[in-house]
N, C-alpha and C. Protein backbone atom coordinates (compact mmCIF):
# COMPACT_ATOMS: atom_id res chain seq x y z
N MET A 1 59.39 98.91 71.09
CA MET A 1 58.12 98.28 71.39
C MET A 1 58.28 97.39 72.64
N ILE A 2 59.43 96.69 72.75
CA ILE A 2 59.58 95.79 73.88
C ILE A 2 59.59 96.55 75.20
N GLU A 3 60.12 97.75 75.18
CA GLU A 3 60.16 98.54 76.44
C GLU A 3 58.82 98.85 76.95
N HIS A 4 57.83 98.96 76.14
CA HIS A 4 56.46 99.32 76.53
C HIS A 4 55.64 98.13 76.87
N HIS A 5 56.07 96.94 76.50
CA HIS A 5 55.33 95.71 76.74
C HIS A 5 56.24 94.60 77.28
N PRO A 6 57.06 94.82 78.36
CA PRO A 6 58.04 93.80 78.80
C PRO A 6 57.50 92.51 79.30
N ASP A 7 56.19 92.54 79.69
CA ASP A 7 55.58 91.34 80.26
C ASP A 7 54.56 90.66 79.34
N GLU A 8 54.57 90.96 78.10
CA GLU A 8 53.67 90.45 77.10
C GLU A 8 54.26 89.35 76.28
N PRO A 9 53.95 88.09 76.55
CA PRO A 9 54.54 87.02 75.84
C PRO A 9 54.30 87.13 74.34
N PHE A 10 53.17 87.66 73.88
CA PHE A 10 52.86 87.81 72.48
C PHE A 10 53.92 88.71 71.81
N VAL A 11 54.27 89.75 72.47
CA VAL A 11 55.26 90.73 71.96
C VAL A 11 56.61 89.98 71.83
N HIS A 12 57.04 89.28 72.85
CA HIS A 12 58.30 88.49 72.79
C HIS A 12 58.27 87.54 71.62
N GLU A 13 57.17 86.78 71.52
CA GLU A 13 57.12 85.80 70.43
C GLU A 13 57.11 86.43 69.09
N ALA A 14 56.45 87.60 68.92
CA ALA A 14 56.40 88.25 67.59
C ALA A 14 57.72 88.75 67.27
N LEU A 15 58.47 89.41 68.20
CA LEU A 15 59.74 89.91 67.91
C LEU A 15 60.77 88.83 67.64
N LEU A 16 60.72 87.76 68.38
CA LEU A 16 61.65 86.67 68.10
C LEU A 16 61.42 86.08 66.81
N GLU A 17 60.10 85.94 66.40
CA GLU A 17 59.79 85.29 65.03
C GLU A 17 60.27 86.34 63.97
N ALA A 18 59.99 87.63 64.17
CA ALA A 18 60.34 88.59 63.13
C ALA A 18 61.91 88.60 62.94
N LEU A 19 62.64 88.44 64.07
CA LEU A 19 64.02 88.56 63.99
C LEU A 19 64.79 87.18 63.88
N SER A 20 63.96 86.12 63.70
CA SER A 20 64.62 84.78 63.66
C SER A 20 65.55 84.57 62.46
N GLU A 21 65.20 85.27 61.37
CA GLU A 21 66.13 85.06 60.17
C GLU A 21 67.34 85.97 60.24
N LEU A 22 67.43 86.81 61.20
CA LEU A 22 68.59 87.64 61.37
C LEU A 22 69.70 86.66 61.84
N SER A 23 70.72 86.62 60.98
CA SER A 23 71.84 85.71 61.28
C SER A 23 72.59 86.17 62.54
N THR A 24 73.44 85.28 62.95
CA THR A 24 74.30 85.62 64.14
C THR A 24 75.22 86.83 63.63
N PRO A 25 75.71 87.69 64.50
CA PRO A 25 76.46 88.85 64.13
C PRO A 25 77.78 88.50 63.45
N GLU A 26 78.39 87.33 63.63
CA GLU A 26 79.65 87.01 63.08
C GLU A 26 79.46 86.94 61.58
N GLY A 27 80.34 87.63 60.89
CA GLY A 27 80.32 87.53 59.44
C GLY A 27 79.47 88.54 58.73
N LEU A 28 78.67 89.33 59.50
CA LEU A 28 77.79 90.31 58.91
C LEU A 28 78.46 91.68 59.01
N ALA A 29 78.31 92.46 57.96
CA ALA A 29 78.86 93.78 58.01
C ALA A 29 78.14 94.64 59.07
N PRO A 30 78.86 95.27 59.98
CA PRO A 30 78.12 96.05 61.02
C PRO A 30 77.49 97.26 60.41
N THR A 31 76.26 97.52 60.80
CA THR A 31 75.41 98.68 60.37
C THR A 31 74.63 99.13 61.66
N PRO A 32 74.24 100.43 61.68
CA PRO A 32 73.43 100.86 62.82
C PRO A 32 72.15 100.01 62.89
N SER A 33 71.58 99.64 61.73
CA SER A 33 70.31 98.82 61.82
C SER A 33 70.58 97.46 62.41
N LEU A 34 71.69 96.80 62.02
CA LEU A 34 72.00 95.50 62.61
C LEU A 34 72.24 95.62 64.06
N ALA A 35 72.93 96.61 64.48
CA ALA A 35 73.23 96.81 65.94
C ALA A 35 71.84 97.00 66.73
N GLU A 36 70.95 97.75 66.14
CA GLU A 36 69.66 97.99 66.76
C GLU A 36 68.85 96.71 66.82
N LEU A 37 68.84 95.94 65.77
CA LEU A 37 68.13 94.70 65.71
C LEU A 37 68.69 93.64 66.77
N LEU A 38 69.98 93.60 66.81
CA LEU A 38 70.64 92.66 67.74
C LEU A 38 70.26 93.12 69.21
N ALA A 39 70.26 94.44 69.45
CA ALA A 39 69.90 94.89 70.75
C ALA A 39 68.51 94.57 71.14
N ALA A 40 67.54 94.74 70.10
CA ALA A 40 66.12 94.41 70.37
C ALA A 40 65.97 92.88 70.70
N ARG A 41 66.68 92.03 69.91
CA ARG A 41 66.55 90.64 70.14
C ARG A 41 67.17 90.27 71.45
N GLY A 42 68.31 90.86 71.80
CA GLY A 42 68.92 90.66 73.10
C GLY A 42 68.01 91.02 74.21
N ARG A 43 67.31 92.17 74.07
CA ARG A 43 66.40 92.65 75.13
C ARG A 43 65.30 91.60 75.35
N VAL A 44 64.77 91.01 74.22
CA VAL A 44 63.73 89.97 74.35
C VAL A 44 64.29 88.73 75.06
N TRP A 45 65.48 88.30 74.68
CA TRP A 45 66.10 87.19 75.39
C TRP A 45 66.24 87.47 76.89
N LEU A 46 66.62 88.69 77.18
CA LEU A 46 66.70 89.07 78.62
C LEU A 46 65.37 88.98 79.28
N ASP A 47 64.32 89.46 78.64
CA ASP A 47 62.99 89.46 79.19
C ASP A 47 62.41 87.98 79.45
N VAL A 48 62.94 87.07 78.65
CA VAL A 48 62.36 85.73 78.76
C VAL A 48 63.36 84.79 79.54
N ASP A 49 64.33 85.46 80.23
CA ASP A 49 65.31 84.75 81.08
C ASP A 49 66.22 83.85 80.35
N GLU A 50 66.55 84.17 79.07
CA GLU A 50 67.63 83.43 78.33
C GLU A 50 68.89 84.31 78.39
N LEU A 51 69.51 84.28 79.57
CA LEU A 51 70.61 85.25 79.87
C LEU A 51 71.85 85.09 78.93
N GLU A 52 72.18 83.84 78.63
CA GLU A 52 73.39 83.65 77.76
C GLU A 52 73.05 84.14 76.36
N ARG A 53 71.88 83.91 75.80
CA ARG A 53 71.53 84.39 74.48
C ARG A 53 71.45 85.94 74.50
N ALA A 54 70.92 86.48 75.68
CA ALA A 54 70.93 87.96 75.78
C ALA A 54 72.27 88.49 75.90
N ARG A 55 73.22 87.86 76.53
CA ARG A 55 74.60 88.27 76.66
C ARG A 55 75.30 88.33 75.26
N ARG A 56 75.04 87.30 74.49
CA ARG A 56 75.60 87.23 73.18
C ARG A 56 75.07 88.32 72.26
N GLU A 57 73.83 88.53 72.26
CA GLU A 57 73.18 89.46 71.35
C GLU A 57 73.51 90.94 71.82
N LEU A 58 73.36 91.17 73.09
CA LEU A 58 73.60 92.56 73.57
C LEU A 58 75.07 92.92 73.51
N GLY A 59 75.90 91.96 73.70
CA GLY A 59 77.31 92.15 73.62
C GLY A 59 77.75 92.48 72.22
N ALA A 60 77.17 91.74 71.23
CA ALA A 60 77.46 91.98 69.81
C ALA A 60 77.00 93.42 69.40
N ALA A 61 75.83 93.77 69.85
CA ALA A 61 75.28 95.15 69.53
C ALA A 61 76.19 96.19 70.16
N ASP A 62 76.68 95.98 71.42
CA ASP A 62 77.50 96.92 72.08
C ASP A 62 78.86 97.05 71.35
N ARG A 63 79.39 95.95 70.93
CA ARG A 63 80.63 96.04 70.20
C ARG A 63 80.56 96.83 68.90
N MET A 64 79.40 96.65 68.25
CA MET A 64 79.10 97.36 67.00
C MET A 64 78.79 98.83 67.15
N ALA A 65 78.31 99.18 68.38
CA ALA A 65 77.77 100.52 68.58
C ALA A 65 78.72 101.62 68.19
N ASP A 66 79.96 101.53 68.65
CA ASP A 66 80.93 102.69 68.32
C ASP A 66 81.26 102.65 66.85
N ALA A 67 81.55 101.49 66.29
CA ALA A 67 82.01 101.40 64.92
C ALA A 67 80.92 101.93 63.96
N VAL A 68 79.68 101.82 64.28
CA VAL A 68 78.63 102.25 63.35
C VAL A 68 77.97 103.56 63.76
N GLY A 69 78.36 104.13 64.80
CA GLY A 69 77.88 105.41 65.26
C GLY A 69 76.39 105.35 65.69
N LEU A 70 76.05 104.32 66.46
CA LEU A 70 74.67 104.12 66.90
C LEU A 70 74.24 105.34 67.70
N ASP A 71 73.02 105.80 67.46
CA ASP A 71 72.43 106.99 68.11
C ASP A 71 72.36 106.83 69.63
N ASP A 72 72.65 107.93 70.29
CA ASP A 72 72.65 107.83 71.76
C ASP A 72 71.38 107.34 72.45
N PRO A 73 70.18 107.70 71.93
CA PRO A 73 68.96 107.12 72.58
C PRO A 73 68.97 105.57 72.53
N ILE A 74 69.38 105.04 71.37
CA ILE A 74 69.46 103.58 71.26
C ILE A 74 70.58 102.97 72.07
N ARG A 75 71.65 103.73 72.10
CA ARG A 75 72.76 103.24 72.97
C ARG A 75 72.35 103.33 74.47
N PHE A 76 71.59 104.31 74.82
CA PHE A 76 71.11 104.42 76.18
C PHE A 76 70.34 103.15 76.53
N ARG A 77 69.35 102.72 75.65
CA ARG A 77 68.55 101.55 75.93
C ARG A 77 69.38 100.28 75.96
N LEU A 78 70.27 100.21 75.01
CA LEU A 78 71.19 99.07 74.94
C LEU A 78 72.02 98.95 76.27
N THR A 79 72.60 100.13 76.71
CA THR A 79 73.40 100.07 77.91
C THR A 79 72.52 99.75 79.15
N ILE A 80 71.35 100.24 79.25
CA ILE A 80 70.50 99.82 80.33
C ILE A 80 70.22 98.33 80.33
N ALA A 81 69.94 97.78 79.14
CA ALA A 81 69.78 96.34 79.00
C ALA A 81 70.99 95.55 79.52
N LEU A 82 72.19 96.03 79.12
CA LEU A 82 73.45 95.42 79.60
C LEU A 82 73.59 95.54 81.13
N ALA A 83 73.17 96.68 81.65
CA ALA A 83 73.19 96.88 83.10
C ALA A 83 72.33 95.88 83.77
N GLU A 84 71.08 95.73 83.26
CA GLU A 84 70.16 94.76 83.87
C GLU A 84 70.77 93.31 83.77
N LEU A 85 71.28 92.98 82.69
CA LEU A 85 71.89 91.68 82.50
C LEU A 85 73.00 91.45 83.52
N ALA A 86 73.84 92.48 83.70
CA ALA A 86 74.92 92.36 84.73
C ALA A 86 74.35 92.21 86.13
N ALA A 87 73.38 92.95 86.41
CA ALA A 87 72.69 92.91 87.80
C ALA A 87 72.07 91.54 87.98
N ARG A 88 71.47 91.04 87.01
CA ARG A 88 70.79 89.69 87.11
C ARG A 88 71.87 88.56 87.18
N SER A 89 73.08 88.84 86.68
CA SER A 89 74.14 87.83 86.72
C SER A 89 74.97 88.00 87.99
N GLY A 90 74.57 88.87 88.88
CA GLY A 90 75.37 89.09 90.14
C GLY A 90 76.56 89.97 89.98
N GLU A 91 76.70 90.61 88.85
CA GLU A 91 77.82 91.53 88.63
C GLU A 91 77.47 92.97 88.95
N ARG A 92 77.29 93.27 90.23
CA ARG A 92 76.77 94.56 90.64
C ARG A 92 77.73 95.72 90.27
N GLY A 93 79.01 95.55 90.40
CA GLY A 93 79.93 96.64 90.06
C GLY A 93 79.86 96.93 88.59
N GLN A 94 79.74 95.95 87.77
CA GLN A 94 79.60 96.19 86.36
C GLN A 94 78.31 96.81 86.01
N ALA A 95 77.24 96.34 86.71
CA ALA A 95 75.90 96.99 86.51
C ALA A 95 75.90 98.40 86.85
N ARG A 96 76.57 98.82 87.97
CA ARG A 96 76.61 100.21 88.38
C ARG A 96 77.40 101.04 87.34
N ALA A 97 78.53 100.46 86.84
CA ALA A 97 79.34 101.18 85.90
C ALA A 97 78.50 101.41 84.59
N LEU A 98 77.65 100.46 84.19
CA LEU A 98 76.83 100.55 83.00
C LEU A 98 75.73 101.63 83.21
N VAL A 99 75.16 101.64 84.40
CA VAL A 99 74.19 102.67 84.68
C VAL A 99 74.81 104.07 84.55
N ASP A 100 76.03 104.30 85.11
CA ASP A 100 76.77 105.55 84.93
C ASP A 100 77.04 105.82 83.50
N ARG A 101 77.38 104.86 82.72
CA ARG A 101 77.72 105.04 81.33
C ARG A 101 76.40 105.48 80.57
N ALA A 102 75.36 104.79 80.92
CA ALA A 102 73.99 105.15 80.30
C ALA A 102 73.68 106.59 80.58
N LEU A 103 73.83 107.00 81.87
CA LEU A 103 73.50 108.38 82.15
C LEU A 103 74.36 109.44 81.38
N GLY A 104 75.52 109.03 81.03
CA GLY A 104 76.38 109.94 80.20
C GLY A 104 75.89 110.03 78.73
N LEU A 105 74.96 109.21 78.27
CA LEU A 105 74.54 109.08 76.92
C LEU A 105 73.22 109.92 76.70
N THR A 106 72.63 110.36 77.75
CA THR A 106 71.32 111.08 77.61
C THR A 106 71.39 112.54 77.73
N ARG A 107 70.59 113.22 77.00
CA ARG A 107 70.49 114.67 77.04
C ARG A 107 69.54 115.05 78.14
N THR A 108 68.81 114.15 78.71
CA THR A 108 67.88 114.43 79.84
C THR A 108 68.16 113.50 80.96
N PRO A 109 69.27 113.77 81.69
CA PRO A 109 69.68 112.84 82.80
C PRO A 109 68.71 112.80 83.95
N GLU A 110 67.96 113.94 84.17
CA GLU A 110 67.01 113.92 85.26
C GLU A 110 65.82 112.95 84.96
N LEU A 111 65.43 112.90 83.75
CA LEU A 111 64.36 112.02 83.34
C LEU A 111 64.86 110.53 83.35
N ALA A 112 66.10 110.44 82.95
CA ALA A 112 66.65 108.96 82.94
C ALA A 112 66.78 108.51 84.34
N LEU A 113 67.22 109.44 85.27
CA LEU A 113 67.38 108.99 86.71
C LEU A 113 66.08 108.59 87.24
N GLU A 114 65.00 109.38 86.95
CA GLU A 114 63.70 109.03 87.43
C GLU A 114 63.22 107.67 86.91
N ARG A 115 63.41 107.47 85.58
CA ARG A 115 63.05 106.17 85.02
C ARG A 115 63.86 105.00 85.68
N LEU A 116 65.13 105.19 85.86
CA LEU A 116 65.95 104.13 86.38
C LEU A 116 65.61 103.88 87.85
N ARG A 117 65.18 104.90 88.61
CA ARG A 117 64.84 104.75 89.99
C ARG A 117 63.57 103.85 90.10
N ARG A 118 62.78 103.78 89.10
CA ARG A 118 61.57 102.89 89.04
C ARG A 118 61.85 101.50 88.48
N HIS A 119 63.06 101.30 88.01
CA HIS A 119 63.43 100.03 87.38
C HIS A 119 63.56 98.99 88.53
N PRO A 120 62.82 97.85 88.37
CA PRO A 120 62.84 96.88 89.51
C PRO A 120 64.23 96.26 89.78
N ARG A 121 65.11 96.22 88.79
CA ARG A 121 66.38 95.54 89.06
C ARG A 121 67.52 96.54 89.11
N LEU A 122 67.29 97.81 88.78
CA LEU A 122 68.41 98.74 88.77
C LEU A 122 68.22 99.88 89.74
N ALA A 123 67.12 99.98 90.37
CA ALA A 123 66.86 101.11 91.24
C ALA A 123 67.85 101.31 92.30
N GLU A 124 68.35 100.23 92.97
CA GLU A 124 69.33 100.32 93.98
C GLU A 124 70.75 100.70 93.49
N LEU A 125 70.90 100.65 92.20
CA LEU A 125 72.23 100.98 91.63
C LEU A 125 72.25 102.43 91.16
N VAL A 126 71.23 103.08 91.12
CA VAL A 126 71.11 104.45 90.64
C VAL A 126 71.75 105.39 91.62
N PRO A 127 72.63 106.28 91.17
CA PRO A 127 73.28 107.23 92.06
C PRO A 127 72.26 108.11 92.72
N ALA A 128 72.47 108.36 94.00
CA ALA A 128 71.59 109.28 94.78
C ALA A 128 71.69 110.72 94.27
N ARG A 129 72.86 111.08 93.74
CA ARG A 129 73.10 112.43 93.23
C ARG A 129 72.35 112.68 91.97
N THR A 130 72.08 113.92 91.69
CA THR A 130 71.55 114.23 90.41
C THR A 130 72.67 114.71 89.53
N PRO A 131 72.64 114.51 88.24
CA PRO A 131 73.74 114.84 87.35
C PRO A 131 74.00 116.31 87.28
């Protein structure tokens, strides 16, 4: 939902409120649902410019992703959020590596490339080549 309404404060507030009782990832058993919820909350923190909170949540979701077998479409969105976070933090090399990693997660790389080329913070990091 957040992807379709990135500039809607109501959506941010509703998601943060809905996920407010979700504990911090430390001490919780990793599950695909927990990883997805942490990724969603991290995405919201990123959208409201809370970069450290976003880094904590997205990082926890990323660390869980392999262990819990997170689905590739969700991992793709998580990896794009991490790439945006890296780009916004001035870590261009890391952002570019994450874009490349994300492209390896999709079964439709041509569509992903087109989407990323329209992304305001990642367009310049998208490889010119087609996969």
